[in-house]
C-alpha cells in the first residue's frame, strides 16, 4: 500500500500547488544541476561531429536510389538519443537516490501532477537541444556535401520535416527514458534498459530467421523512430512511412510512461 505524502491542505489557508508551479520546480531542478549542461552539450557535440564525419567521408560513389543527404547529416542522432536518455532517466531516479522525492511530494502531493511536470520539463529541454543539434548537423553537413554537389537544402521536399523531426525524435527518446526511470527507480537499471531499447535492440534482430527479420525490423524502436528524419523511401527496406514510424516510436514511449506512472502512483516513495 502506498503511503500518502503530507498534503499542503494540512496547513490552514495554504493553497495546493498547481501544475505550473510543479513545472517551474522541475525546470529549476534540472537547470541547477551542472551535469544537465554537460549532458546536453555532449549530446549536441557528438551528434554534430558524427554527422559532419559521415558527410565528410561520403563520396560520389555513395549516390544511388537510396541516397539521402539529409539522413546522412543527421546520423549522429543514433548516438545522441543515448545521451539524452541519461537526462530522462536522471530526472526521475536522482530524486530517489538523494531522498528528495519525499520533499517533492510534500510540496506537491498530487503524483500525477509531479509526473506530468517531469515529463513536460524533459520534453522541453530535449526538444530545444535536439533542434539545436539537428539544424547544426544539417547545415554543417550540407556545407561539406555541397562542395561535391551531393547536398540538399531546407527548401527541398521533406527536408525541413526531417530536420525538425530529428528534434522531436530526441524529445520522445527522453520521455521514453523518463518512463523507464519511473519503472526501475534505479539509475543503473533504467539506463541499461534504455540502451537496450533504443540501441541494442537493433543488432539483436540479426539472431532471428531471415523471414522474421523482415517483419520485426520495422518495429524496432530506432528503425521506426528514425524514419522521421529520412527523406528518401526505399520500398525494399519494408520500413514505415516517416510519420507512421514516429507514431510507433512514440507509442513505445507512451507505454513506458504509462507503466512508470502506475508504479509511481501505487508504490511508496
C-alpha atoms as a PDB file:
ATOM      1  CA  UNK A   1       0.000   0.000   0.000  1.00  0.00           C
ATOM      2  CA  UNK A   2       1.345   3.412  -0.969  1.00  0.00           C
ATOM      3  CA  UNK A   3       1.844   5.941   1.826  1.00  0.00           C
ATOM      4  CA  UNK A   4       0.482   9.380   1.002  1.00  0.00           C
ATOM      5  CA  UNK A   5       2.815  12.311   1.448  1.00  0.00           C
ATOM      6  CA  UNK A   6       1.602  15.097   3.739  1.00  0.00           C
ATOM      7  CA  UNK A   7      -0.704  17.363   1.794  1.00  0.00           C
ATOM      8  CA  UNK A   8      -0.500  21.112   1.533  1.00  0.00           C
ATOM      9  CA  UNK A   9      -4.117  21.323   2.822  1.00  0.00           C
ATOM     10  CA  UNK A  10      -2.920  20.359   6.261  1.00  0.00           C
ATOM     11  CA  UNK A  11      -1.785  23.968   6.667  1.00  0.00           C
ATOM     12  CA  UNK A  12      -4.754  26.329   7.157  1.00  0.00           C
ATOM     13  CA  UNK A  13      -5.078  28.947   4.421  1.00  0.00           C
ATOM     14  CA  UNK A  14      -2.365  27.429   2.220  1.00  0.00           C
ATOM     15  CA  UNK A  15      -3.259  26.664  -1.392  1.00  0.00           C
ATOM     16  CA  UNK A  16      -2.237  23.473  -3.063  1.00  0.00           C
ATOM     17  CA  UNK A  17       0.461  23.947  -5.693  1.00  0.00           C
ATOM     18  CA  UNK A  18      -0.690  23.529  -9.285  1.00  0.00           C
ATOM     19  CA  UNK A  19       0.854  22.218 -12.471  1.00  0.00           C
ATOM     20  CA  UNK A  20       2.553  25.497 -13.403  1.00  0.00           C
ATOM     21  CA  UNK A  21       4.320  25.613 -10.075  1.00  0.00           C
ATOM     22  CA  UNK A  22       5.320  21.960 -10.380  1.00  0.00           C
ATOM     23  CA  UNK A  23       6.699  22.558 -13.873  1.00  0.00           C
ATOM     24  CA  UNK A  24       8.721  25.563 -12.728  1.00  0.00           C
ATOM     25  CA  UNK A  25      10.065  23.456  -9.899  1.00  0.00           C
ATOM     26  CA  UNK A  26      11.104  20.621 -12.233  1.00  0.00           C
ATOM     27  CA  UNK A  27      12.761  23.003 -14.693  1.00  0.00           C
ATOM     28  CA  UNK A  28      14.624  24.626 -11.821  1.00  0.00           C
ATOM     29  CA  UNK A  29      15.826  21.252 -10.541  1.00  0.00           C
ATOM     30  CA  UNK A  30      17.139  20.295 -13.965  1.00  0.00           C
ATOM     31  CA  UNK A  31      18.757  23.677 -14.665  1.00  0.00           C
ATOM     32  CA  UNK A  32      20.530  23.848 -11.329  1.00  0.00           C
ATOM     33  CA  UNK A  33      22.274  20.508 -11.803  1.00  0.00           C
ATOM     34  CA  UNK A  34      25.623  21.032 -13.516  1.00  0.00           C
ATOM     35  CA  UNK A  35      25.519  17.612 -15.163  1.00  0.00           C
ATOM     36  CA  UNK A  36      22.479  18.724 -17.187  1.00  0.00           C
ATOM     37  CA  UNK A  37      24.560  21.253 -19.120  1.00  0.00           C
ATOM     38  CA  UNK A  38      27.362  18.755 -19.681  1.00  0.00           C
ATOM     39  CA  UNK A  39      24.821  16.176 -20.801  1.00  0.00           C
ATOM     40  CA  UNK A  40      23.169  18.481 -23.331  1.00  0.00           C
ATOM     41  CA  UNK A  41      26.483  19.900 -24.554  1.00  0.00           C
ATOM     42  CA  UNK A  42      27.879  16.386 -25.050  1.00  0.00           C
ATOM     43  CA  UNK A  43      24.755  15.320 -26.916  1.00  0.00           C
ATOM     44  CA  UNK A  44      24.919  18.271 -29.299  1.00  0.00           C
ATOM     45  CA  UNK A  45      28.681  17.909 -29.825  1.00  0.00           C
ATOM     46  CA  UNK A  46      28.618  14.162 -30.504  1.00  0.00           C
ATOM     47  CA  UNK A  47      25.571  14.411 -32.745  1.00  0.00           C
ATOM     48  CA  UNK A  48      27.100  17.194 -34.844  1.00  0.00           C
ATOM     49  CA  UNK A  49      30.572  15.618 -35.012  1.00  0.00           C
ATOM     50  CA  UNK A  50      29.262  12.232 -36.178  1.00  0.00           C
ATOM     51  CA  UNK A  51      27.016  13.886 -38.757  1.00  0.00           C
ATOM     52  CA  UNK A  52      29.886  16.004 -40.077  1.00  0.00           C
ATOM     53  CA  UNK A  53      32.208  12.987 -40.259  1.00  0.00           C
ATOM     54  CA  UNK A  54      29.566  10.958 -42.095  1.00  0.00           C
ATOM     55  CA  UNK A  55      29.243  13.705 -44.685  1.00  0.00           C
ATOM     56  CA  UNK A  56      32.991  14.233 -44.947  1.00  0.00           C
ATOM     57  CA  UNK A  57      33.559  10.532 -45.665  1.00  0.00           C
ATOM     58  CA  UNK A  58      30.867  10.375 -48.358  1.00  0.00           C
ATOM     59  CA  UNK A  59      31.993  10.484 -51.966  1.00  0.00           C
ATOM     60  CA  UNK A  60      30.221  10.443 -55.346  1.00  0.00           C
ATOM     61  CA  UNK A  61      30.183   6.652 -55.262  1.00  0.00           C
ATOM     62  CA  UNK A  62      27.573   6.731 -52.484  1.00  0.00           C
ATOM     63  CA  UNK A  63      24.954   8.327 -54.718  1.00  0.00           C
ATOM     64  CA  UNK A  64      22.234   5.878 -55.701  1.00  0.00           C
ATOM     65  CA  UNK A  65      18.484   5.214 -55.424  1.00  0.00           C
ATOM     66  CA  UNK A  66      18.601   5.260 -51.622  1.00  0.00           C
ATOM     67  CA  UNK A  67      20.997   8.183 -51.210  1.00  0.00           C
ATOM     68  CA  UNK A  68      19.629  10.591 -48.587  1.00  0.00           C
ATOM     69  CA  UNK A  69      21.922  13.559 -47.809  1.00  0.00           C
ATOM     70  CA  UNK A  70      19.574  14.776 -45.066  1.00  0.00           C
ATOM     71  CA  UNK A  71      19.610  11.471 -43.213  1.00  0.00           C
ATOM     72  CA  UNK A  72      23.371  11.282 -43.709  1.00  0.00           C
ATOM     73  CA  UNK A  73      23.965  14.582 -41.917  1.00  0.00           C
ATOM     74  CA  UNK A  74      21.677  13.510 -39.068  1.00  0.00           C
ATOM     75  CA  UNK A  75      23.228  10.086 -38.450  1.00  0.00           C
ATOM     76  CA  UNK A  76      24.681  11.341 -35.166  1.00  0.00           C
ATOM     77  CA  UNK A  77      21.198  11.124 -33.659  1.00  0.00           C
ATOM     78  CA  UNK A  78      21.652   7.368 -33.426  1.00  0.00           C
ATOM     79  CA  UNK A  79      24.092   8.079 -30.593  1.00  0.00           C
ATOM     80  CA  UNK A  80      22.595  11.362 -29.430  1.00  0.00           C
ATOM     81  CA  UNK A  81      19.471   9.535 -28.290  1.00  0.00           C
ATOM     82  CA  UNK A  82      21.536   7.531 -25.809  1.00  0.00           C
ATOM     83  CA  UNK A  83      22.904  10.671 -24.188  1.00  0.00           C
ATOM     84  CA  UNK A  84      19.535  12.376 -23.937  1.00  0.00           C
ATOM     85  CA  UNK A  85      18.180   9.160 -22.433  1.00  0.00           C
ATOM     86  CA  UNK A  86      20.526   9.673 -19.479  1.00  0.00           C
ATOM     87  CA  UNK A  87      18.881  13.042 -18.819  1.00  0.00           C
ATOM     88  CA  UNK A  88      15.440  11.437 -18.933  1.00  0.00           C
ATOM     89  CA  UNK A  89      16.449   8.679 -16.532  1.00  0.00           C
ATOM     90  CA  UNK A  90      18.171  11.013 -14.066  1.00  0.00           C
ATOM     91  CA  UNK A  91      15.212  13.384 -13.974  1.00  0.00           C
ATOM     92  CA  UNK A  92      13.332  10.678 -12.136  1.00  0.00           C
ATOM     93  CA  UNK A  93      15.905   8.456 -10.444  1.00  0.00           C
ATOM     94  CA  UNK A  94      18.085  11.213  -8.986  1.00  0.00           C
ATOM     95  CA  UNK A  95      15.334  12.228  -6.567  1.00  0.00           C
ATOM     96  CA  UNK A  96      15.104   8.685  -5.271  1.00  0.00           C
ATOM     97  CA  UNK A  97      18.847   8.330  -4.816  1.00  0.00           C
ATOM     98  CA  UNK A  98      19.005  11.578  -2.812  1.00  0.00           C
ATOM     99  CA  UNK A  99      15.691  11.197  -0.976  1.00  0.00           C
ATOM    100  CA  UNK A 100      14.413  14.491  -2.452  1.00  0.00           C
ATOM    101  CA  UNK A 101      11.307  12.734  -3.734  1.00  0.00           C
ATOM    102  CA  UNK A 102       9.773  12.957  -0.238  1.00  0.00           C
ATOM    103  CA  UNK A 103      10.137  16.745  -0.231  1.00  0.00           C
ATOM    104  CA  UNK A 104       8.749  16.987  -3.767  1.00  0.00           C
ATOM    105  CA  UNK A 105       5.654  15.029  -2.765  1.00  0.00           C
ATOM    106  CA  UNK A 106       5.226  17.114   0.367  1.00  0.00           C
ATOM    107  CA  UNK A 107       5.155  20.317  -1.674  1.00  0.00           C
ATOM    108  CA  UNK A 108       3.027  18.748  -4.416  1.00  0.00           C
ATOM    109  CA  UNK A 109       1.238  15.604  -3.145  1.00  0.00           C
ATOM    110  CA  UNK A 110      -0.632  15.033  -6.416  1.00  0.00           C
ATOM    111  CA  UNK A 111       1.590  12.435  -8.018  1.00  0.00           C
ATOM    112  CA  UNK A 112       0.038  12.741 -11.460  1.00  0.00           C
ATOM    113  CA  UNK A 113       0.927  16.433 -11.452  1.00  0.00           C
ATOM    114  CA  UNK A 114       4.513  15.722 -10.401  1.00  0.00           C
ATOM    115  CA  UNK A 115       4.865  13.060 -13.072  1.00  0.00           C
ATOM    116  CA  UNK A 116       3.372  15.268 -15.791  1.00  0.00           C
ATOM    117  CA  UNK A 117       5.630  18.167 -14.808  1.00  0.00           C
ATOM    118  CA  UNK A 118       8.722  15.968 -15.058  1.00  0.00           C
ATOM    119  CA  UNK A 119       7.625  14.725 -18.482  1.00  0.00           C
ATOM    120  CA  UNK A 120       6.982  18.213 -19.844  1.00  0.00           C
ATOM    121  CA  UNK A 121      10.291  19.511 -18.442  1.00  0.00           C
ATOM    122  CA  UNK A 122      12.246  16.689 -20.113  1.00  0.00           C
ATOM    123  CA  UNK A 123      10.358  17.187 -23.376  1.00  0.00           C
ATOM    124  CA  UNK A 124      11.082  20.925 -23.434  1.00  0.00           C
ATOM    125  CA  UNK A 125      14.816  20.581 -22.787  1.00  0.00           C
ATOM    126  CA  UNK A 126      15.276  17.572 -25.071  1.00  0.00           C
ATOM    127  CA  UNK A 127      13.369  19.230 -27.919  1.00  0.00           C
ATOM    128  CA  UNK A 128      15.294  22.501 -27.609  1.00  0.00           C
ATOM    129  CA  UNK A 129      18.653  20.720 -27.538  1.00  0.00           C
ATOM    130  CA  UNK A 130      17.532  18.342 -30.282  1.00  0.00           C
ATOM    131  CA  UNK A 131      16.531  21.157 -32.629  1.00  0.00           C
ATOM    132  CA  UNK A 132      19.833  22.935 -31.983  1.00  0.00           C
ATOM    133  CA  UNK A 133      21.717  19.723 -32.789  1.00  0.00           C
ATOM    134  CA  UNK A 134      19.631  18.876 -35.866  1.00  0.00           C
ATOM    135  CA  UNK A 135      19.926  22.271 -37.527  1.00  0.00           C
ATOM    136  CA  UNK A 136      23.651  22.487 -36.733  1.00  0.00           C
ATOM    137  CA  UNK A 137      24.263  18.947 -38.026  1.00  0.00           C
ATOM    138  CA  UNK A 138      22.252  19.544 -41.171  1.00  0.00           C
ATOM    139  CA  UNK A 139      23.754  22.919 -42.069  1.00  0.00           C
ATOM    140  CA  UNK A 140      27.349  21.849 -41.429  1.00  0.00           C
ATOM    141  CA  UNK A 141      26.883  18.514 -43.152  1.00  0.00           C
ATOM    142  CA  UNK A 142      25.265  20.022 -46.226  1.00  0.00           C
ATOM    143  CA  UNK A 143      28.018  22.617 -46.456  1.00  0.00           C
ATOM    144  CA  UNK A 144      30.509  19.766 -46.787  1.00  0.00           C
ATOM    145  CA  UNK A 145      28.358  17.792 -49.236  1.00  0.00           C
ATOM    146  CA  UNK A 146      27.638  20.863 -51.358  1.00  0.00           C
ATOM    147  CA  UNK A 147      31.322  21.124 -52.257  1.00  0.00           C
ATOM    148  CA  UNK A 148      30.901  17.834 -54.119  1.00  0.00           C
ATOM    149  CA  UNK A 149      27.425  18.629 -55.448  1.00  0.00           C
ATOM    150  CA  UNK A 150      25.969  15.975 -53.151  1.00  0.00           C
ATOM    151  CA  UNK A 151      23.977  18.147 -50.763  1.00  0.00           C
ATOM    152  CA  UNK A 152      20.436  19.413 -50.422  1.00  0.00           C
ATOM    153  CA  UNK A 153      18.673  22.367 -48.774  1.00  0.00           C
ATOM    154  CA  UNK A 154      15.822  23.067 -46.384  1.00  0.00           C
ATOM    155  CA  UNK A 155      13.664  24.204 -49.309  1.00  0.00           C
ATOM    156  CA  UNK A 156      13.657  20.734 -50.854  1.00  0.00           C
ATOM    157  CA  UNK A 157      10.655  18.434 -50.256  1.00  0.00           C
ATOM    158  CA  UNK A 158      10.524  16.730 -46.848  1.00  0.00           C
ATOM    159  CA  UNK A 159      13.877  18.157 -45.693  1.00  0.00           C
ATOM    160  CA  UNK A 160      12.541  20.642 -43.139  1.00  0.00           C
ATOM    161  CA  UNK A 161      10.225  17.952 -41.760  1.00  0.00           C
ATOM    162  CA  UNK A 162      13.200  15.626 -41.343  1.00  0.00           C
ATOM    163  CA  UNK A 163      15.354  18.223 -39.550  1.00  0.00           C
ATOM    164  CA  UNK A 164      12.560  19.200 -37.162  1.00  0.00           C
ATOM    165  CA  UNK A 165      11.638  15.525 -36.830  1.00  0.00           C
ATOM    166  CA  UNK A 166      15.121  14.740 -35.533  1.00  0.00           C
ATOM    167  CA  UNK A 167      14.484  17.144 -32.658  1.00  0.00           C
ATOM    168  CA  UNK A 168      11.122  15.503 -31.985  1.00  0.00           C
ATOM    169  CA  UNK A 169      12.858  12.115 -32.049  1.00  0.00           C
ATOM    170  CA  UNK A 170      15.172  13.209 -29.230  1.00  0.00           C
ATOM    171  CA  UNK A 171      12.280  14.605 -27.196  1.00  0.00           C
ATOM    172  CA  UNK A 172      10.462  11.273 -27.391  1.00  0.00           C
ATOM    173  CA  UNK A 173      13.703   9.424 -26.574  1.00  0.00           C
ATOM    174  CA  UNK A 174      13.982  11.476 -23.392  1.00  0.00           C
ATOM    175  CA  UNK A 175      10.375  10.725 -22.449  1.00  0.00           C
ATOM    176  CA  UNK A 176      10.860   7.015 -23.080  1.00  0.00           C
ATOM    177  CA  UNK A 177      13.857   7.078 -20.749  1.00  0.00           C
ATOM    178  CA  UNK A 178      11.894   9.036 -18.139  1.00  0.00           C
ATOM    179  CA  UNK A 179       9.289   6.286 -18.196  1.00  0.00           C
ATOM    180  CA  UNK A 180      11.983   3.668 -17.651  1.00  0.00           C
ATOM    181  CA  UNK A 181      13.351   5.725 -14.775  1.00  0.00           C
ATOM    182  CA  UNK A 182       9.921   5.670 -13.158  1.00  0.00           C
ATOM    183  CA  UNK A 183       9.622   1.928 -13.717  1.00  0.00           C
ATOM    184  CA  UNK A 184      13.002   0.955 -12.245  1.00  0.00           C
ATOM    185  CA  UNK A 185      13.813   3.917  -9.930  1.00  0.00           C
ATOM    186  CA  UNK A 186      17.455   2.899 -10.273  1.00  0.00           C
ATOM    187  CA  UNK A 187      19.780   4.940 -12.482  1.00  0.00           C
ATOM    188  CA  UNK A 188      21.892   1.930 -13.441  1.00  0.00           C
ATOM    189  CA  UNK A 189      18.950  -0.353 -14.215  1.00  0.00           C
ATOM    190  CA  UNK A 190      16.940   2.272 -16.082  1.00  0.00           C
ATOM    191  CA  UNK A 191      19.953   3.478 -18.099  1.00  0.00           C
ATOM    192  CA  UNK A 192      20.833  -0.071 -19.073  1.00  0.00           C
ATOM    193  CA  UNK A 193      17.291  -0.799 -20.195  1.00  0.00           C
ATOM    194  CA  UNK A 194      17.166   2.476 -22.139  1.00  0.00           C
ATOM    195  CA  UNK A 195      20.312   1.479 -24.028  1.00  0.00           C
ATOM    196  CA  UNK A 196      18.813  -1.941 -24.757  1.00  0.00           C
ATOM    197  CA  UNK A 197      15.520  -0.500 -26.019  1.00  0.00           C
ATOM    198  CA  UNK A 198      16.981   2.389 -28.003  1.00  0.00           C
ATOM    199  CA  UNK A 199      20.166   0.854 -29.374  1.00  0.00           C
ATOM    200  CA  UNK A 200      20.960  -2.767 -28.558  1.00  0.00           C
ATOM    201  CA  UNK A 201      17.584  -3.959 -29.883  1.00  0.00           C
ATOM    202  CA  UNK A 202      18.802  -3.087 -33.392  1.00  0.00           C
ATOM    203  CA  UNK A 203      21.560  -5.728 -33.755  1.00  0.00           C
ATOM    204  CA  UNK A 204      19.557  -8.305 -31.779  1.00  0.00           C
ATOM    205  CA  UNK A 205      17.292  -8.856 -34.762  1.00  0.00           C
ATOM    206  CA  UNK A 206      20.197 -10.422 -36.654  1.00  0.00           C
ATOM    207  CA  UNK A 207      19.784 -13.520 -34.479  1.00  0.00           C
ATOM    208  CA  UNK A 208      16.284 -14.079 -35.875  1.00  0.00           C
ATOM    209  CA  UNK A 209      15.493 -16.113 -39.007  1.00  0.00           C
ATOM    210  CA  UNK A 210      15.636 -14.013 -42.173  1.00  0.00           C
ATOM    211  CA  UNK A 211      11.870 -14.219 -42.682  1.00  0.00           C
ATOM    212  CA  UNK A 212      11.255 -12.925 -39.149  1.00  0.00           C
ATOM    213  CA  UNK A 213      13.782 -10.127 -39.573  1.00  0.00           C
ATOM    214  CA  UNK A 214      11.720  -8.599 -42.368  1.00  0.00           C
ATOM    215  CA  UNK A 215       8.660  -8.485 -40.105  1.00  0.00           C
ATOM    216  CA  UNK A 216      10.404  -7.382 -36.911  1.00  0.00           C
ATOM    217  CA  UNK A 217      12.821  -4.864 -38.445  1.00  0.00           C
ATOM    218  CA  UNK A 218      10.332  -2.029 -38.906  1.00  0.00           C
ATOM    219  CA  UNK A 219       9.070  -2.380 -35.310  1.00  0.00           C
ATOM    220  CA  UNK A 220      12.470  -1.889 -33.684  1.00  0.00           C
ATOM    221  CA  UNK A 221      12.317   1.495 -31.889  1.00  0.00           C
ATOM    222  CA  UNK A 222      15.335   3.042 -33.625  1.00  0.00           C
ATOM    223  CA  UNK A 223      14.231   1.907 -37.086  1.00  0.00           C
ATOM    224  CA  UNK A 224      10.694   3.159 -36.565  1.00  0.00           C
ATOM    225  CA  UNK A 225      11.680   6.463 -34.987  1.00  0.00           C
ATOM    226  CA  UNK A 226      14.484   7.317 -37.401  1.00  0.00           C
ATOM    227  CA  UNK A 227      12.085   7.338 -40.346  1.00  0.00           C
ATOM    228  CA  UNK A 228      11.029  10.827 -39.257  1.00  0.00           C
ATOM    229  CA  UNK A 229      14.486  12.168 -40.180  1.00  0.00           C
ATOM    230  CA  UNK A 230      14.682  10.489 -43.550  1.00  0.00           C
ATOM    231  CA  UNK A 231      13.564  11.985 -46.870  1.00  0.00           C
ATOM    232  CA  UNK A 232      14.045   9.027 -49.221  1.00  0.00           C
ATOM    233  CA  UNK A 233      11.820   5.952 -49.127  1.00  0.00           C
ATOM    234  CA  UNK A 234      13.327   2.617 -50.108  1.00  0.00           C
ATOM    235  CA  UNK A 235      10.443   0.143 -50.674  1.00  0.00           C
ATOM    236  CA  UNK A 236      12.721  -2.883 -50.398  1.00  0.00           C
ATOM    237  CA  UNK A 237      13.601  -1.860 -46.810  1.00  0.00           C
ATOM    238  CA  UNK A 238       9.987  -2.522 -45.699  1.00  0.00           C
ATOM    239  CA  UNK A 239      10.017   0.409 -43.264  1.00  0.00           C
ATOM    240  CA  UNK A 240       7.141   2.585 -42.053  1.00  0.00           C
ATOM    241  CA  UNK A 241       6.462   5.973 -43.584  1.00  0.00           C
ATOM    242  CA  UNK A 242       8.048   8.842 -41.620  1.00  0.00           C
ATOM    243  CA  UNK A 243       5.032   9.810 -39.530  1.00  0.00           C
ATOM    244  CA  UNK A 244       3.818   6.235 -39.080  1.00  0.00           C
ATOM    245  CA  UNK A 245       7.261   5.214 -37.849  1.00  0.00           C
ATOM    246  CA  UNK A 246       7.351   8.173 -35.488  1.00  0.00           C
ATOM    247  CA  UNK A 247       3.911   7.179 -34.181  1.00  0.00           C
ATOM    248  CA  UNK A 248       5.215   3.671 -33.428  1.00  0.00           C
ATOM    249  CA  UNK A 249       8.253   5.131 -31.653  1.00  0.00           C
ATOM    250  CA  UNK A 250       6.007   7.461 -29.658  1.00  0.00           C
ATOM    251  CA  UNK A 251       3.804   4.506 -28.722  1.00  0.00           C
ATOM    252  CA  UNK A 252       6.819   2.813 -27.106  1.00  0.00           C
ATOM    253  CA  UNK A 253       7.439   5.964 -25.060  1.00  0.00           C
ATOM    254  CA  UNK A 254       3.766   6.235 -24.065  1.00  0.00           C
ATOM    255  CA  UNK A 255       3.766   2.595 -22.969  1.00  0.00           C
ATOM    256  CA  UNK A 256       6.795   3.026 -20.708  1.00  0.00           C
ATOM    257  CA  UNK A 257       5.442   6.308 -19.358  1.00  0.00           C
ATOM    258  CA  UNK A 258       2.145   4.610 -18.587  1.00  0.00           C
ATOM    259  CA  UNK A 259       3.808   1.742 -16.725  1.00  0.00           C
ATOM    260  CA  UNK A 260       6.046   4.202 -14.886  1.00  0.00           C
ATOM    261  CA  UNK A 261       3.067   6.344 -13.872  1.00  0.00           C
ATOM    262  CA  UNK A 262       1.195   3.335 -12.489  1.00  0.00           C
ATOM    263  CA  UNK A 263       4.213   2.336 -10.397  1.00  0.00           C
ATOM    264  CA  UNK A 264       4.665   5.913  -9.229  1.00  0.00           C
ATOM    265  CA  UNK A 265       1.015   6.139  -8.167  1.00  0.00           C
ATOM    266  CA  UNK A 266       0.840   2.871  -6.303  1.00  0.00           C
ATOM    267  CA  UNK A 267       4.264   2.373  -4.782  1.00  0.00           C
ATOM    268  CA  UNK A 268       5.759   4.104  -1.755  1.00  0.00           C
ATOM    269  CA  UNK A 269       8.130   6.985  -2.438  1.00  0.00           C
END
